Amino acid sequence: MPKAYWISAYQEVRNPDALAAYAKLAGPALAAAGGRFVVRGMPSAVKEAGLMQRTVIVEFDNIQAALAAYDSPGYREALAALGTDAVVREIRIVEGV
């Protein structure tokens, strides 16, 4: 079974305090669900149509584990701490090759 990757790309951080509260809860929740952080931070360089934006990549053993992590109670608690207007971001969950 291929690994899965959760990719979060932040276009804008409007409330750093809410993001910090989210991160305190999201990291442990994703780790408890089997996630391993492989990238977290700003790009060293961007090319072509890339944007200089915070990027987070979390590796999971498979797509089912990544999807279950998103729906887990611990991650839902992190989302509640983040609120609805603290960041503008997109999350993609993709299967590895």
N, C-alpha and C. Protein backbone atom coordinates (compact mmCIF):
# COMPACT_ATOMS: atom_id res chain seq x y z
N MET A 1 0.84 -1.18 0.00
CA MET A 1 0.00 0.00 0.00
C MET A 1 0.89 1.25 0.00
N PRO A 2 0.63 2.20 -0.89
CA PRO A 2 1.45 3.42 -0.93
C PRO A 2 1.21 4.32 0.28
N LYS A 3 2.24 5.04 0.63
CA LYS A 3 2.11 6.04 1.69
C LYS A 3 1.22 7.18 1.20
N ALA A 4 0.77 8.00 2.14
CA ALA A 4 -0.05 9.16 1.80
C ALA A 4 0.59 10.39 2.41
N TYR A 5 0.34 11.52 1.78
CA TYR A 5 0.93 12.79 2.22
C TYR A 5 -0.17 13.84 2.37
N TRP A 6 -0.13 14.50 3.49
CA TRP A 6 -1.05 15.60 3.81
C TRP A 6 -0.23 16.86 3.59
N ILE A 7 -0.65 17.68 2.66
CA ILE A 7 0.08 18.90 2.30
C ILE A 7 -0.79 20.10 2.65
N SER A 8 -0.27 20.95 3.52
CA SER A 8 -0.97 22.19 3.89
C SER A 8 -0.18 23.37 3.34
N ALA A 9 -0.84 24.20 2.56
CA ALA A 9 -0.20 25.40 2.01
C ALA A 9 -0.96 26.62 2.53
N TYR A 10 -0.25 27.48 3.23
CA TYR A 10 -0.85 28.66 3.85
C TYR A 10 -0.65 29.87 2.95
N GLN A 11 -1.75 30.44 2.46
CA GLN A 11 -1.66 31.65 1.66
C GLN A 11 -1.56 32.89 2.54
N GLU A 12 -2.19 32.82 3.71
CA GLU A 12 -2.20 34.00 4.59
C GLU A 12 -2.43 33.56 6.03
N VAL A 13 -1.69 34.16 6.96
CA VAL A 13 -1.91 33.95 8.39
C VAL A 13 -2.46 35.26 8.94
N ARG A 14 -3.71 35.24 9.34
CA ARG A 14 -4.39 36.44 9.84
C ARG A 14 -4.33 36.56 11.36
N ASN A 15 -4.21 35.41 12.03
CA ASN A 15 -4.20 35.41 13.49
C ASN A 15 -3.12 34.44 13.97
N PRO A 16 -1.89 34.92 14.19
CA PRO A 16 -0.80 34.04 14.62
C PRO A 16 -1.06 33.33 15.94
N ASP A 17 -1.79 33.99 16.85
CA ASP A 17 -2.09 33.35 18.14
C ASP A 17 -2.99 32.13 17.96
N ALA A 18 -4.00 32.25 17.10
CA ALA A 18 -4.88 31.11 16.83
C ALA A 18 -4.11 30.00 16.13
N LEU A 19 -3.21 30.36 15.23
CA LEU A 19 -2.39 29.35 14.55
C LEU A 19 -1.50 28.62 15.56
N ALA A 20 -0.94 29.34 16.51
CA ALA A 20 -0.11 28.72 17.55
C ALA A 20 -0.93 27.76 18.42
N ALA A 21 -2.15 28.17 18.77
CA ALA A 21 -3.03 27.31 19.56
C ALA A 21 -3.39 26.05 18.78
N TYR A 22 -3.65 26.21 17.49
CA TYR A 22 -3.94 25.08 16.60
C TYR A 22 -2.74 24.13 16.56
N ALA A 23 -1.55 24.68 16.37
CA ALA A 23 -0.34 23.85 16.22
C ALA A 23 -0.07 23.02 17.47
N LYS A 24 -0.34 23.58 18.64
CA LYS A 24 -0.13 22.83 19.89
C LYS A 24 -1.01 21.59 19.96
N LEU A 25 -2.18 21.66 19.35
CA LEU A 25 -3.11 20.54 19.36
C LEU A 25 -2.97 19.65 18.12
N ALA A 26 -2.74 20.26 16.97
CA ALA A 26 -2.71 19.50 15.72
C ALA A 26 -1.51 18.57 15.65
N GLY A 27 -0.33 19.04 16.06
CA GLY A 27 0.86 18.20 16.00
C GLY A 27 0.69 16.88 16.74
N PRO A 28 0.33 16.93 18.02
CA PRO A 28 0.12 15.68 18.76
C PRO A 28 -1.03 14.83 18.20
N ALA A 29 -2.09 15.48 17.72
CA ALA A 29 -3.23 14.72 17.17
C ALA A 29 -2.81 13.96 15.91
N LEU A 30 -2.05 14.62 15.04
CA LEU A 30 -1.62 13.95 13.81
C LEU A 30 -0.59 12.87 14.11
N ALA A 31 0.30 13.13 15.05
CA ALA A 31 1.29 12.12 15.44
C ALA A 31 0.60 10.89 16.05
N ALA A 32 -0.43 11.13 16.88
CA ALA A 32 -1.17 10.03 17.49
C ALA A 32 -1.87 9.17 16.43
N ALA A 33 -2.19 9.79 15.30
CA ALA A 33 -2.86 9.08 14.20
C ALA A 33 -1.84 8.45 13.25
N GLY A 34 -0.57 8.48 13.61
CA GLY A 34 0.45 7.86 12.79
C GLY A 34 1.16 8.79 11.83
N GLY A 35 0.88 10.09 11.91
CA GLY A 35 1.51 11.05 11.02
C GLY A 35 2.93 11.37 11.43
N ARG A 36 3.78 11.59 10.43
CA ARG A 36 5.17 11.98 10.65
C ARG A 36 5.44 13.25 9.87
N PHE A 37 5.81 14.31 10.57
CA PHE A 37 6.07 15.59 9.91
C PHE A 37 7.39 15.48 9.15
N VAL A 38 7.32 15.75 7.85
CA VAL A 38 8.54 15.70 7.03
C VAL A 38 8.94 17.08 6.52
N VAL A 39 8.01 18.02 6.48
CA VAL A 39 8.28 19.40 6.07
C VAL A 39 7.41 20.31 6.92
N ARG A 40 8.03 21.40 7.42
CA ARG A 40 7.24 22.38 8.18
C ARG A 40 8.00 23.70 8.15
N GLY A 41 7.47 24.68 7.41
CA GLY A 41 8.12 25.98 7.38
C GLY A 41 7.99 26.68 6.05
N MET A 42 8.80 27.71 5.90
CA MET A 42 8.82 28.50 4.67
C MET A 42 9.75 27.84 3.66
N PRO A 43 9.45 27.98 2.36
CA PRO A 43 10.33 27.40 1.34
C PRO A 43 11.69 28.09 1.32
N SER A 44 12.71 27.33 0.98
CA SER A 44 14.04 27.89 0.78
C SER A 44 14.09 28.65 -0.55
N ALA A 45 13.28 28.21 -1.50
CA ALA A 45 13.19 28.86 -2.81
C ALA A 45 11.84 28.48 -3.42
N VAL A 46 11.34 29.35 -4.28
CA VAL A 46 10.13 29.03 -5.05
C VAL A 46 10.46 29.23 -6.53
N LYS A 47 9.88 28.40 -7.35
CA LYS A 47 10.14 28.44 -8.79
C LYS A 47 8.82 28.44 -9.55
N GLU A 48 8.89 28.91 -10.76
CA GLU A 48 7.75 28.96 -11.68
C GLU A 48 6.59 29.72 -11.03
N ALA A 49 5.43 29.13 -10.85
CA ALA A 49 4.30 29.86 -10.28
C ALA A 49 4.20 29.67 -8.76
N GLY A 50 5.29 29.19 -8.13
CA GLY A 50 5.29 28.94 -6.69
C GLY A 50 5.11 30.21 -5.88
N LEU A 51 4.59 30.05 -4.69
CA LEU A 51 4.36 31.17 -3.77
C LEU A 51 5.23 30.98 -2.53
N MET A 52 5.75 32.05 -2.00
CA MET A 52 6.51 32.02 -0.75
C MET A 52 5.49 31.95 0.38
N GLN A 53 5.12 30.71 0.75
CA GLN A 53 4.11 30.51 1.77
C GLN A 53 4.48 29.31 2.64
N ARG A 54 4.06 29.38 3.88
CA ARG A 54 4.31 28.28 4.82
C ARG A 54 3.73 27.00 4.24
N THR A 55 4.50 25.93 4.33
CA THR A 55 4.08 24.63 3.81
C THR A 55 4.37 23.57 4.86
N VAL A 56 3.41 22.66 5.04
CA VAL A 56 3.57 21.56 5.98
C VAL A 56 3.23 20.27 5.22
N ILE A 57 4.09 19.26 5.35
CA ILE A 57 3.82 17.96 4.76
C ILE A 57 3.94 16.91 5.86
N VAL A 58 2.89 16.10 5.97
CA VAL A 58 2.85 15.03 6.97
C VAL A 58 2.68 13.71 6.21
N GLU A 59 3.53 12.75 6.53
CA GLU A 59 3.47 11.44 5.89
C GLU A 59 2.67 10.47 6.75
N PHE A 60 1.84 9.67 6.09
CA PHE A 60 1.06 8.62 6.75
C PHE A 60 1.33 7.29 6.06
N ASP A 61 1.05 6.21 6.74
CA ASP A 61 1.29 4.89 6.16
C ASP A 61 0.42 4.61 4.94
N ASN A 62 -0.77 5.22 4.90
CA ASN A 62 -1.67 5.01 3.76
C ASN A 62 -2.75 6.10 3.75
N ILE A 63 -3.51 6.12 2.68
CA ILE A 63 -4.53 7.17 2.50
C ILE A 63 -5.62 7.09 3.58
N GLN A 64 -5.97 5.87 3.98
CA GLN A 64 -7.01 5.72 5.01
C GLN A 64 -6.57 6.34 6.33
N ALA A 65 -5.30 6.17 6.68
CA ALA A 65 -4.79 6.76 7.93
C ALA A 65 -4.81 8.28 7.87
N ALA A 66 -4.45 8.84 6.72
CA ALA A 66 -4.45 10.30 6.57
C ALA A 66 -5.87 10.86 6.67
N LEU A 67 -6.81 10.21 6.02
CA LEU A 67 -8.20 10.67 6.07
C LEU A 67 -8.78 10.52 7.47
N ALA A 68 -8.45 9.42 8.14
CA ALA A 68 -8.93 9.21 9.51
C ALA A 68 -8.34 10.26 10.45
N ALA A 69 -7.09 10.66 10.22
CA ALA A 69 -6.47 11.68 11.06
C ALA A 69 -7.23 13.00 10.95
N TYR A 70 -7.63 13.36 9.73
CA TYR A 70 -8.36 14.60 9.54
C TYR A 70 -9.69 14.58 10.29
N ASP A 71 -10.33 13.42 10.33
CA ASP A 71 -11.63 13.29 10.97
C ASP A 71 -11.55 12.92 12.45
N SER A 72 -10.34 12.81 13.00
CA SER A 72 -10.19 12.38 14.39
C SER A 72 -10.65 13.46 15.37
N PRO A 73 -11.10 13.05 16.55
CA PRO A 73 -11.50 14.03 17.57
C PRO A 73 -10.39 15.01 17.94
N GLY A 74 -9.16 14.53 18.03
CA GLY A 74 -8.04 15.40 18.38
C GLY A 74 -7.80 16.48 17.35
N TYR A 75 -7.90 16.11 16.07
CA TYR A 75 -7.69 17.11 15.02
C TYR A 75 -8.88 18.06 14.94
N ARG A 76 -10.07 17.56 15.19
CA ARG A 76 -11.25 18.44 15.22
C ARG A 76 -11.11 19.50 16.32
N GLU A 77 -10.52 19.10 17.45
CA GLU A 77 -10.27 20.05 18.53
C GLU A 77 -9.28 21.12 18.07
N ALA A 78 -8.25 20.70 17.34
CA ALA A 78 -7.27 21.66 16.81
C ALA A 78 -7.94 22.63 15.85
N LEU A 79 -8.82 22.13 14.99
CA LEU A 79 -9.53 23.01 14.05
C LEU A 79 -10.40 24.02 14.79
N ALA A 80 -11.01 23.59 15.88
CA ALA A 80 -11.83 24.51 16.67
C ALA A 80 -10.96 25.63 17.25
N ALA A 81 -9.75 25.29 17.70
CA ALA A 81 -8.84 26.31 18.23
C ALA A 81 -8.39 27.27 17.13
N LEU A 82 -8.26 26.77 15.92
CA LEU A 82 -7.85 27.62 14.79
C LEU A 82 -8.95 28.61 14.42
N GLY A 83 -10.19 28.17 14.52
CA GLY A 83 -11.30 29.04 14.15
C GLY A 83 -11.50 29.07 12.64
N THR A 84 -12.33 29.98 12.19
CA THR A 84 -12.69 30.00 10.78
C THR A 84 -12.01 31.09 9.97
N ASP A 85 -11.35 32.04 10.62
CA ASP A 85 -10.79 33.16 9.88
C ASP A 85 -9.32 33.44 10.22
N ALA A 86 -8.66 32.51 10.92
CA ALA A 86 -7.28 32.76 11.36
C ALA A 86 -6.28 32.60 10.23
N VAL A 87 -6.58 31.71 9.29
CA VAL A 87 -5.66 31.46 8.17
C VAL A 87 -6.46 31.26 6.89
N VAL A 88 -5.78 31.49 5.79
CA VAL A 88 -6.28 31.09 4.48
C VAL A 88 -5.29 30.03 4.01
N ARG A 89 -5.78 28.81 3.82
CA ARG A 89 -4.91 27.71 3.44
C ARG A 89 -5.68 26.67 2.67
N GLU A 90 -4.94 25.78 2.07
CA GLU A 90 -5.55 24.62 1.47
C GLU A 90 -4.83 23.39 1.98
N ILE A 91 -5.58 22.32 2.11
CA ILE A 91 -5.01 21.05 2.53
C ILE A 91 -5.31 20.05 1.41
N ARG A 92 -4.26 19.35 0.98
CA ARG A 92 -4.41 18.29 -0.01
C ARG A 92 -3.89 17.01 0.61
N ILE A 93 -4.64 15.95 0.45
CA ILE A 93 -4.19 14.63 0.90
C ILE A 93 -4.03 13.79 -0.36
N VAL A 94 -2.78 13.38 -0.61
CA VAL A 94 -2.47 12.66 -1.85
C VAL A 94 -1.78 11.33 -1.54
N GLU A 95 -2.03 10.38 -2.41
CA GLU A 95 -1.39 9.09 -2.27
C GLU A 95 -0.03 9.11 -2.95
N GLY A 96 0.96 8.50 -2.30
CA GLY A 96 2.29 8.42 -2.87
C GLY A 96 2.35 7.45 -4.03
N VAL A 97 3.46 7.47 -4.73
CA VAL A 97 3.63 6.57 -5.89
C VAL A 97 4.48 5.37 -5.51
